Amino acid sequence: MLPILHQVFGSTLVFAGLIVLPLPIPFGLVMLTIGFALLAPYIPAVQRLIRFLRVKWPKFDEQLRRYRHRFPPVIKRTIDKTQPTAPAE
């Protein structure tokens, strides 16, 4: 049941984030980030996107590694799955 809720809520946040992205206040970026974080454990395409972003922006990767211990288990698993050196699924 929880994976279904994550996918529905994550999809809703991504869709809403894309709609409000052009606004001057960066609510759209926050919504997209949370939505992708909820979708990543279940959708391989989102995992590939996160892996690509981690390779492209090493500072982003460094921050994820540094604060990994503060995230809930589902996000920790996603961080582990999307390591830039990990083999693609």
PDB file of N, CA and C in Angstrom:
ATOM      1  N   MET A   1       0.816  -1.200   0.000  1.00  0.00           N
ATOM      2  CA  MET A   1       0.000   0.000   0.000  1.00  0.00           C
ATOM      3  C   MET A   1       0.862   1.268   0.000  1.00  0.00           C
ATOM      4  N   LEU A   2       1.937   1.261   0.793  1.00  0.00           N
ATOM      5  CA  LEU A   2       2.798   2.437   0.867  1.00  0.00           C
ATOM      6  C   LEU A   2       3.467   2.758  -0.470  1.00  0.00           C
ATOM      7  N   PRO A   3       3.986   1.760  -1.224  1.00  0.00           N
ATOM      8  CA  PRO A   3       4.558   2.101  -2.534  1.00  0.00           C
ATOM      9  C   PRO A   3       3.551   2.759  -3.475  1.00  0.00           C
ATOM     10  N   ILE A   4       2.306   2.330  -3.419  1.00  0.00           N
ATOM     11  CA  ILE A   4       1.286   2.939  -4.275  1.00  0.00           C
ATOM     12  C   ILE A   4       1.066   4.394  -3.876  1.00  0.00           C
ATOM     13  N   LEU A   5       1.004   4.646  -2.577  1.00  0.00           N
ATOM     14  CA  LEU A   5       0.835   6.026  -2.109  1.00  0.00           C
ATOM     15  C   LEU A   5       2.032   6.890  -2.497  1.00  0.00           C
ATOM     16  N   HIS A   6       3.235   6.329  -2.372  1.00  0.00           N
ATOM     17  CA  HIS A   6       4.427   7.075  -2.783  1.00  0.00           C
ATOM     18  C   HIS A   6       4.355   7.441  -4.264  1.00  0.00           C
ATOM     19  N   GLN A   7       3.942   6.504  -5.093  1.00  0.00           N
ATOM     20  CA  GLN A   7       3.891   6.755  -6.527  1.00  0.00           C
ATOM     21  C   GLN A   7       2.817   7.770  -6.887  1.00  0.00           C
ATOM     22  N   VAL A   8       1.654   7.666  -6.263  1.00  0.00           N
ATOM     23  CA  VAL A   8       0.570   8.615  -6.554  1.00  0.00           C
ATOM     24  C   VAL A   8       0.950  10.014  -6.079  1.00  0.00           C
ATOM     25  N   PHE A   9       1.423  10.103  -4.840  1.00  0.00           N
ATOM     26  CA  PHE A   9       1.786  11.410  -4.285  1.00  0.00           C
ATOM     27  C   PHE A   9       2.996  11.994  -5.020  1.00  0.00           C
ATOM     28  N   GLY A  10       3.984  11.161  -5.341  1.00  0.00           N
ATOM     29  CA  GLY A  10       5.157  11.626  -6.077  1.00  0.00           C
ATOM     30  C   GLY A  10       4.795  12.134  -7.459  1.00  0.00           C
ATOM     31  N   SER A  11       3.926  11.398  -8.164  1.00  0.00           N
ATOM     32  CA  SER A  11       3.489  11.831  -9.500  1.00  0.00           C
ATOM     33  C   SER A  11       2.733  13.146  -9.431  1.00  0.00           C
ATOM     34  N   THR A  12       1.898  13.285  -8.409  1.00  0.00           N
ATOM     35  CA  THR A  12       1.141  14.520  -8.232  1.00  0.00           C
ATOM     36  C   THR A  12       2.085  15.695  -7.982  1.00  0.00           C
ATOM     37  N   LEU A  13       3.099  15.477  -7.134  1.00  0.00           N
ATOM     38  CA  LEU A  13       4.055  16.547  -6.852  1.00  0.00           C
ATOM     39  C   LEU A  13       4.869  16.932  -8.082  1.00  0.00           C
ATOM     40  N   VAL A  14       5.279  15.949  -8.878  1.00  0.00           N
ATOM     41  CA  VAL A  14       6.039  16.251 -10.092  1.00  0.00           C
ATOM     42  C   VAL A  14       5.165  17.038 -11.062  1.00  0.00           C
ATOM     43  N   PHE A  15       3.932  16.602 -11.256  1.00  0.00           N
ATOM     44  CA  PHE A  15       3.023  17.305 -12.165  1.00  0.00           C
ATOM     45  C   PHE A  15       2.759  18.732 -11.685  1.00  0.00           C
ATOM     46  N   ALA A  16       2.459  18.887 -10.394  1.00  0.00           N
ATOM     47  CA  ALA A  16       2.199  20.221  -9.850  1.00  0.00           C
ATOM     48  C   ALA A  16       3.463  21.080  -9.886  1.00  0.00           C
ATOM     49  N   GLY A  17       4.621  20.456  -9.636  1.00  0.00           N
ATOM     50  CA  GLY A  17       5.882  21.196  -9.677  1.00  0.00           C
ATOM     51  C   GLY A  17       6.184  21.742 -11.055  1.00  0.00           C
ATOM     52  N   LEU A  18       5.860  20.963 -12.085  1.00  0.00           N
ATOM     53  CA  LEU A  18       6.068  21.441 -13.454  1.00  0.00           C
ATOM     54  C   LEU A  18       5.155  22.619 -13.775  1.00  0.00           C
ATOM     55  N   ILE A  19       3.951  22.596 -13.204  1.00  0.00           N
ATOM     56  CA  ILE A  19       3.003  23.689 -13.457  1.00  0.00           C
ATOM     57  C   ILE A  19       3.471  24.980 -12.790  1.00  0.00           C
ATOM     58  N   VAL A  20       3.949  24.896 -11.542  1.00  0.00           N
ATOM     59  CA  VAL A  20       4.328  26.111 -10.811  1.00  0.00           C
ATOM     60  C   VAL A  20       5.805  26.470 -10.974  1.00  0.00           C
ATOM     61  N   LEU A  21       6.539  25.728 -11.778  1.00  0.00           N
ATOM     62  CA  LEU A  21       7.964  25.991 -11.978  1.00  0.00           C
ATOM     63  C   LEU A  21       8.260  27.403 -12.476  1.00  0.00           C
ATOM     64  N   PRO A  22       7.448  27.984 -13.370  1.00  0.00           N
ATOM     65  CA  PRO A  22       7.767  29.329 -13.862  1.00  0.00           C
ATOM     66  C   PRO A  22       7.553  30.459 -12.841  1.00  0.00           C
ATOM     67  N   LEU A  23       6.948  30.177 -11.711  1.00  0.00           N
ATOM     68  CA  LEU A  23       6.712  31.232 -10.717  1.00  0.00           C
ATOM     69  C   LEU A  23       8.038  31.736 -10.153  1.00  0.00           C
ATOM     70  N   PRO A  24       8.077  32.999  -9.711  1.00  0.00           N
ATOM     71  CA  PRO A  24       9.322  33.562  -9.201  1.00  0.00           C
ATOM     72  C   PRO A  24       9.829  32.877  -7.922  1.00  0.00           C
ATOM     73  N   ILE A  25       8.932  32.403  -7.094  1.00  0.00           N
ATOM     74  CA  ILE A  25       9.340  31.703  -5.874  1.00  0.00           C
ATOM     75  C   ILE A  25       9.553  30.231  -6.254  1.00  0.00           C
ATOM     76  N   PRO A  26      10.674  29.617  -5.836  1.00  0.00           N
ATOM     77  CA  PRO A  26      11.028  28.274  -6.345  1.00  0.00           C
ATOM     78  C   PRO A  26      10.250  27.115  -5.726  1.00  0.00           C
ATOM     79  N   PHE A  27       8.944  27.255  -5.544  1.00  0.00           N
ATOM     80  CA  PHE A  27       8.146  26.149  -5.025  1.00  0.00           C
ATOM     81  C   PHE A  27       8.161  24.963  -5.980  1.00  0.00           C
ATOM     82  N   GLY A  28       8.217  25.250  -7.269  1.00  0.00           N
ATOM     83  CA  GLY A  28       8.224  24.184  -8.262  1.00  0.00           C
ATOM     84  C   GLY A  28       9.426  23.271  -8.115  1.00  0.00           C
ATOM     85  N   LEU A  29      10.602  23.834  -7.855  1.00  0.00           N
ATOM     86  CA  LEU A  29      11.809  23.023  -7.668  1.00  0.00           C
ATOM     87  C   LEU A  29      11.697  22.144  -6.431  1.00  0.00           C
ATOM     88  N   VAL A  30      11.147  22.698  -5.362  1.00  0.00           N
ATOM     89  CA  VAL A  30      10.969  21.919  -4.135  1.00  0.00           C
ATOM     90  C   VAL A  30      10.001  20.771  -4.387  1.00  0.00           C
ATOM     91  N   MET A  31       8.902  21.060  -5.060  1.00  0.00           N
ATOM     92  CA  MET A  31       7.912  20.021  -5.350  1.00  0.00           C
ATOM     93  C   MET A  31       8.489  18.939  -6.261  1.00  0.00           C
ATOM     94  N   LEU A  32       9.260  19.341  -7.276  1.00  0.00           N
ATOM     95  CA  LEU A  32       9.890  18.368  -8.169  1.00  0.00           C
ATOM     96  C   LEU A  32      10.879  17.482  -7.418  1.00  0.00           C
ATOM     97  N   THR A  33      11.670  18.078  -6.555  1.00  0.00           N
ATOM     98  CA  THR A  33      12.661  17.321  -5.790  1.00  0.00           C
ATOM     99  C   THR A  33      11.994  16.282  -4.905  1.00  0.00           C
ATOM    100  N   ILE A  34      10.969  16.677  -4.179  1.00  0.00           N
ATOM    101  CA  ILE A  34      10.270  15.738  -3.301  1.00  0.00           C
ATOM    102  C   ILE A  34       9.552  14.677  -4.122  1.00  0.00           C
ATOM    103  N   GLY A  35       8.937  15.079  -5.218  1.00  0.00           N
ATOM    104  CA  GLY A  35       8.237  14.119  -6.073  1.00  0.00           C
ATOM    105  C   GLY A  35       9.172  13.080  -6.658  1.00  0.00           C
ATOM    106  N   PHE A  36      10.328  13.508  -7.167  1.00  0.00           N
ATOM    107  CA  PHE A  36      11.300  12.556  -7.712  1.00  0.00           C
ATOM    108  C   PHE A  36      11.876  11.661  -6.619  1.00  0.00           C
ATOM    109  N   ALA A  37      12.053  12.212  -5.420  1.00  0.00           N
ATOM    110  CA  ALA A  37      12.554  11.390  -4.311  1.00  0.00           C
ATOM    111  C   ALA A  37      11.559  10.291  -3.953  1.00  0.00           C
ATOM    112  N   LEU A  38      10.272  10.586  -4.043  1.00  0.00           N
ATOM    113  CA  LEU A  38       9.257   9.566  -3.757  1.00  0.00           C
ATOM    114  C   LEU A  38       9.143   8.540  -4.884  1.00  0.00           C
ATOM    115  N   LEU A  39       9.376   8.954  -6.119  1.00  0.00           N
ATOM    116  CA  LEU A  39       9.241   8.051  -7.261  1.00  0.00           C
ATOM    117  C   LEU A  39      10.480   7.195  -7.510  1.00  0.00           C
ATOM    118  N   ALA A  40      11.637   7.679  -7.124  1.00  0.00           N
ATOM    119  CA  ALA A  40      12.901   7.017  -7.460  1.00  0.00           C
ATOM    120  C   ALA A  40      13.013   5.553  -7.019  1.00  0.00           C
ATOM    121  N   PRO A  41      12.538   5.168  -5.849  1.00  0.00           N
ATOM    122  CA  PRO A  41      12.700   3.754  -5.476  1.00  0.00           C
ATOM    123  C   PRO A  41      11.918   2.789  -6.361  1.00  0.00           C
ATOM    124  N   TYR A  42      10.944   3.272  -7.087  1.00  0.00           N
ATOM    125  CA  TYR A  42      10.035   2.387  -7.814  1.00  0.00           C
ATOM    126  C   TYR A  42      10.149   2.493  -9.331  1.00  0.00           C
ATOM    127  N   ILE A  43      10.754   3.558  -9.849  1.00  0.00           N
ATOM    128  CA  ILE A  43      10.783   3.779 -11.293  1.00  0.00           C
ATOM    129  C   ILE A  43      12.235   3.880 -11.772  1.00  0.00           C
ATOM    130  N   PRO A  44      12.707   2.901 -12.541  1.00  0.00           N
ATOM    131  CA  PRO A  44      14.108   2.898 -13.000  1.00  0.00           C
ATOM    132  C   PRO A  44      14.502   4.136 -13.811  1.00  0.00           C
ATOM    133  N   ALA A  45      13.582   4.721 -14.549  1.00  0.00           N
ATOM    134  CA  ALA A  45      13.909   5.921 -15.334  1.00  0.00           C
ATOM    135  C   ALA A  45      14.280   7.088 -14.414  1.00  0.00           C
ATOM    136  N   VAL A  46      13.610   7.203 -13.297  1.00  0.00           N
ATOM    137  CA  VAL A  46      13.926   8.261 -12.339  1.00  0.00           C
ATOM    138  C   VAL A  46      15.285   7.974 -11.692  1.00  0.00           C
ATOM    139  N   GLN A  47      15.578   6.704 -11.441  1.00  0.00           N
ATOM    140  CA  GLN A  47      16.887   6.336 -10.897  1.00  0.00           C
ATOM    141  C   GLN A  47      18.002   6.714 -11.866  1.00  0.00           C
ATOM    142  N   ARG A  48      17.784   6.480 -13.155  1.00  0.00           N
ATOM    143  CA  ARG A  48      18.790   6.861 -14.154  1.00  0.00           C
ATOM    144  C   ARG A  48      18.976   8.379 -14.193  1.00  0.00           C
ATOM    145  N   LEU A  49      17.870   9.122 -14.061  1.00  0.00           N
ATOM    146  CA  LEU A  49      17.955  10.584 -14.039  1.00  0.00           C
ATOM    147  C   LEU A  49      18.771  11.056 -12.839  1.00  0.00           C
ATOM    148  N   ILE A  50      18.520  10.485 -11.680  1.00  0.00           N
ATOM    149  CA  ILE A  50      19.259  10.878 -10.480  1.00  0.00           C
ATOM    150  C   ILE A  50      20.738  10.512 -10.621  1.00  0.00           C
ATOM    151  N   ARG A  51      21.026   9.332 -11.170  1.00  0.00           N
ATOM    152  CA  ARG A  51      22.419   8.928 -11.386  1.00  0.00           C
ATOM    153  C   ARG A  51      23.110   9.911 -12.338  1.00  0.00           C
ATOM    154  N   PHE A  52      22.421  10.311 -13.409  1.00  0.00           N
ATOM    155  CA  PHE A  52      22.971  11.281 -14.356  1.00  0.00           C
ATOM    156  C   PHE A  52      23.264  12.616 -13.666  1.00  0.00           C
ATOM    157  N   LEU A  53      22.329  13.086 -12.829  1.00  0.00           N
ATOM    158  CA  LEU A  53      22.528  14.353 -12.126  1.00  0.00           C
ATOM    159  C   LEU A  53      23.690  14.266 -11.148  1.00  0.00           C
ATOM    160  N   ARG A  54      23.856  13.114 -10.515  1.00  0.00           N
ATOM    161  CA  ARG A  54      24.964  12.939  -9.574  1.00  0.00           C
ATOM    162  C   ARG A  54      26.310  12.932 -10.295  1.00  0.00           C
ATOM    163  N   VAL A  55      26.347  12.406 -11.508  1.00  0.00           N
ATOM    164  CA  VAL A  55      27.593  12.426 -12.289  1.00  0.00           C
ATOM    165  C   VAL A  55      27.861  13.847 -12.791  1.00  0.00           C
ATOM    166  N   LYS A  56      26.821  14.526 -13.250  1.00  0.00           N
ATOM    167  CA  LYS A  56      26.979  15.854 -13.826  1.00  0.00           C
ATOM    168  C   LYS A  56      27.353  16.903 -12.771  1.00  0.00           C
ATOM    169  N   TRP A  57      26.761  16.786 -11.574  1.00  0.00           N
ATOM    170  CA  TRP A  57      27.004  17.757 -10.506  1.00  0.00           C
ATOM    171  C   TRP A  57      27.615  17.057  -9.292  1.00  0.00           C
ATOM    172  N   PRO A  58      28.933  17.006  -9.218  1.00  0.00           N
ATOM    173  CA  PRO A  58      29.597  16.326  -8.103  1.00  0.00           C
ATOM    174  C   PRO A  58      29.259  16.917  -6.725  1.00  0.00           C
ATOM    175  N   LYS A  59      28.984  18.211  -6.664  1.00  0.00           N
ATOM    176  CA  LYS A  59      28.604  18.817  -5.369  1.00  0.00           C
ATOM    177  C   LYS A  59      27.275  18.261  -4.879  1.00  0.00           C
ATOM    178  N   PHE A  60      26.344  18.048  -5.793  1.00  0.00           N
ATOM    179  CA  PHE A  60      25.060  17.434  -5.459  1.00  0.00           C
ATOM    180  C   PHE A  60      25.286  16.024  -4.905  1.00  0.00           C
ATOM    181  N   ASP A  61      26.152  15.270  -5.570  1.00  0.00           N
ATOM    182  CA  ASP A  61      26.489  13.924  -5.125  1.00  0.00           C
ATOM    183  C   ASP A  61      27.127  13.955  -3.737  1.00  0.00           C
ATOM    184  N   GLU A  62      28.029  14.899  -3.534  1.00  0.00           N
ATOM    185  CA  GLU A  62      28.705  15.021  -2.238  1.00  0.00           C
ATOM    186  C   GLU A  62      27.706  15.316  -1.118  1.00  0.00           C
ATOM    187  N   GLN A  63      26.745  16.192  -1.395  1.00  0.00           N
ATOM    188  CA  GLN A  63      25.741  16.524  -0.376  1.00  0.00           C
ATOM    189  C   GLN A  63      24.846  15.319  -0.059  1.00  0.00           C
ATOM    190  N   LEU A  64      24.480  14.563  -1.080  1.00  0.00           N
ATOM    191  CA  LEU A  64      23.675  13.363  -0.829  1.00  0.00           C
ATOM    192  C   LEU A  64      24.438  12.378   0.042  1.00  0.00           C
ATOM    193  N   ARG A  65      25.692  12.190  -0.241  1.00  0.00           N
ATOM    194  CA  ARG A  65      26.512  11.267   0.556  1.00  0.00           C
ATOM    195  C   ARG A  65      26.684  11.772   1.985  1.00  0.00           C
ATOM    196  N   ARG A  66      26.902  13.070   2.112  1.00  0.00           N
ATOM    197  CA  ARG A  66      27.144  13.647   3.436  1.00  0.00           C
ATOM    198  C   ARG A  66      25.923  13.526   4.350  1.00  0.00           C
ATOM    199  N   TYR A  67      24.736  13.757   3.798  1.00  0.00           N
ATOM    200  CA  TYR A  67      23.529  13.786   4.630  1.00  0.00           C
ATOM    201  C   TYR A  67      22.685  12.515   4.518  1.00  0.00           C
ATOM    202  N   ARG A  68      23.229  11.476   3.926  1.00  0.00           N
ATOM    203  CA  ARG A  68      22.515  10.215   3.738  1.00  0.00           C
ATOM    204  C   ARG A  68      21.959   9.674   5.055  1.00  0.00           C
ATOM    205  N   HIS A  69      22.729   9.786   6.122  1.00  0.00           N
ATOM    206  CA  HIS A  69      22.323   9.221   7.415  1.00  0.00           C
ATOM    207  C   HIS A  69      21.086   9.906   8.004  1.00  0.00           C
ATOM    208  N   ARG A  70      20.722  11.064   7.505  1.00  0.00           N
ATOM    209  CA  ARG A  70      19.569  11.803   8.034  1.00  0.00           C
ATOM    210  C   ARG A  70      18.252  11.468   7.332  1.00  0.00           C
ATOM    211  N   PHE A  71      18.327  10.768   6.217  1.00  0.00           N
ATOM    212  CA  PHE A  71      17.135  10.484   5.424  1.00  0.00           C
ATOM    213  C   PHE A  71      16.424   9.224   5.905  1.00  0.00           C
ATOM    214  N   PRO A  72      15.138   9.095   5.557  1.00  0.00           N
ATOM    215  CA  PRO A  72      14.423   7.849   5.884  1.00  0.00           C
ATOM    216  C   PRO A  72      14.981   6.682   5.058  1.00  0.00           C
ATOM    217  N   PRO A  73      14.715   5.444   5.494  1.00  0.00           N
ATOM    218  CA  PRO A  73      15.297   4.268   4.820  1.00  0.00           C
ATOM    219  C   PRO A  73      15.019   4.188   3.321  1.00  0.00           C
ATOM    220  N   VAL A  74      13.841   4.579   2.879  1.00  0.00           N
ATOM    221  CA  VAL A  74      13.526   4.473   1.455  1.00  0.00           C
ATOM    222  C   VAL A  74      14.423   5.402   0.633  1.00  0.00           C
ATOM    223  N   ILE A  75      14.745   6.565   1.156  1.00  0.00           N
ATOM    224  CA  ILE A  75      15.627   7.494   0.450  1.00  0.00           C
ATOM    225  C   ILE A  75      17.074   7.014   0.536  1.00  0.00           C
ATOM    226  N   LYS A  76      17.464   6.432   1.666  1.00  0.00           N
ATOM    227  CA  LYS A  76      18.816   5.869   1.788  1.00  0.00           C
ATOM    228  C   LYS A  76      19.055   4.795   0.737  1.00  0.00           C
ATOM    229  N   ARG A  77      18.069   3.926   0.533  1.00  0.00           N
ATOM    230  CA  ARG A  77      18.197   2.870  -0.486  1.00  0.00           C
ATOM    231  C   ARG A  77      18.323   3.484  -1.877  1.00  0.00           C
ATOM    232  N   THR A  78      17.586   4.542  -2.128  1.00  0.00           N
ATOM    233  CA  THR A  78      17.661   5.209  -3.427  1.00  0.00           C
ATOM    234  C   THR A  78      19.035   5.832  -3.631  1.00  0.00           C
ATOM    235  N   ILE A  79      19.570   6.445  -2.598  1.00  0.00           N
ATOM    236  CA  ILE A  79      20.914   7.025  -2.701  1.00  0.00           C
ATOM    237  C   ILE A  79      21.924   5.926  -3.001  1.00  0.00           C
ATOM    238  N   ASP A  80      21.775   4.787  -2.343  1.00  0.00           N
ATOM    239  CA  ASP A  80      22.686   3.669  -2.597  1.00  0.00           C
ATOM    240  C   ASP A  80      22.534   3.122  -4.021  1.00  0.00           C
ATOM    241  N   LYS A  81      21.301   3.030  -4.494  1.00  0.00           N
ATOM    242  CA  LYS A  81      21.037   2.495  -5.836  1.00  0.00           C
ATOM    243  C   LYS A  81      21.551   3.416  -6.941  1.00  0.00           C
ATOM    244  N   THR A  82      21.585   4.709  -6.658  1.00  0.00           N
ATOM    245  CA  THR A  82      21.941   5.676  -7.700  1.00  0.00           C
ATOM    246  C   THR A  82      23.373   6.169  -7.573  1.00  0.00           C
ATOM    247  N   GLN A  83      24.217   5.423  -6.890  1.00  0.00           N
ATOM    248  CA  GLN A  83      25.634   5.783  -6.829  1.00  0.00           C
ATOM    249  C   GLN A  83      26.159   5.887  -8.258  1.00  0.00           C
ATOM    250  N   PRO A  84      26.907   6.936  -8.574  1.00  0.00           N
ATOM    251  CA  PRO A  84      27.429   7.060  -9.940  1.00  0.00           C
ATOM    252  C   PRO A  84      28.324   5.890 -10.358  1.00  0.00           C
ATOM    253  N   THR A  85      28.972   5.236  -9.413  1.00  0.00           N
ATOM    254  CA  THR A  85      29.842   4.110  -9.751  1.00  0.00           C
ATOM    255  C   THR A  85      29.096   2.788  -9.759  1.00  0.00           C
ATOM    256  N   ALA A  86      27.835   2.778  -9.326  1.00  0.00           N
ATOM    257  CA  ALA A  86      27.048   1.538  -9.287  1.00  0.00           C
ATOM    258  C   ALA A  86      26.641   1.147 -10.711  1.00  0.00           C
ATOM    259  N   PRO A  87      26.553  -0.152 -10.994  1.00  0.00           N
ATOM    260  CA  PRO A  87      26.109  -0.569 -12.327  1.00  0.00           C
ATOM    261  C   PRO A  87      24.647  -0.199 -12.552  1.00  0.00           C
ATOM    262  N   ALA A  88      24.331   0.199 -13.749  1.00  0.00           N
ATOM    263  CA  ALA A  88      22.947   0.554 -14.087  1.00  0.00           C
ATOM    264  C   ALA A  88      22.074  -0.688 -14.101  1.00  0.00           C
ATOM    265  N   GLU A  89      20.812  -0.508 -13.715  1.00  0.00           N
ATOM    266  CA  GLU A  89      19.868  -1.640 -13.693  1.00  0.00           C
ATOM    267  C   GLU A  89      19.263  -1.872 -15.051  1.00  0.00           C
TER     268      GLU A  89
END
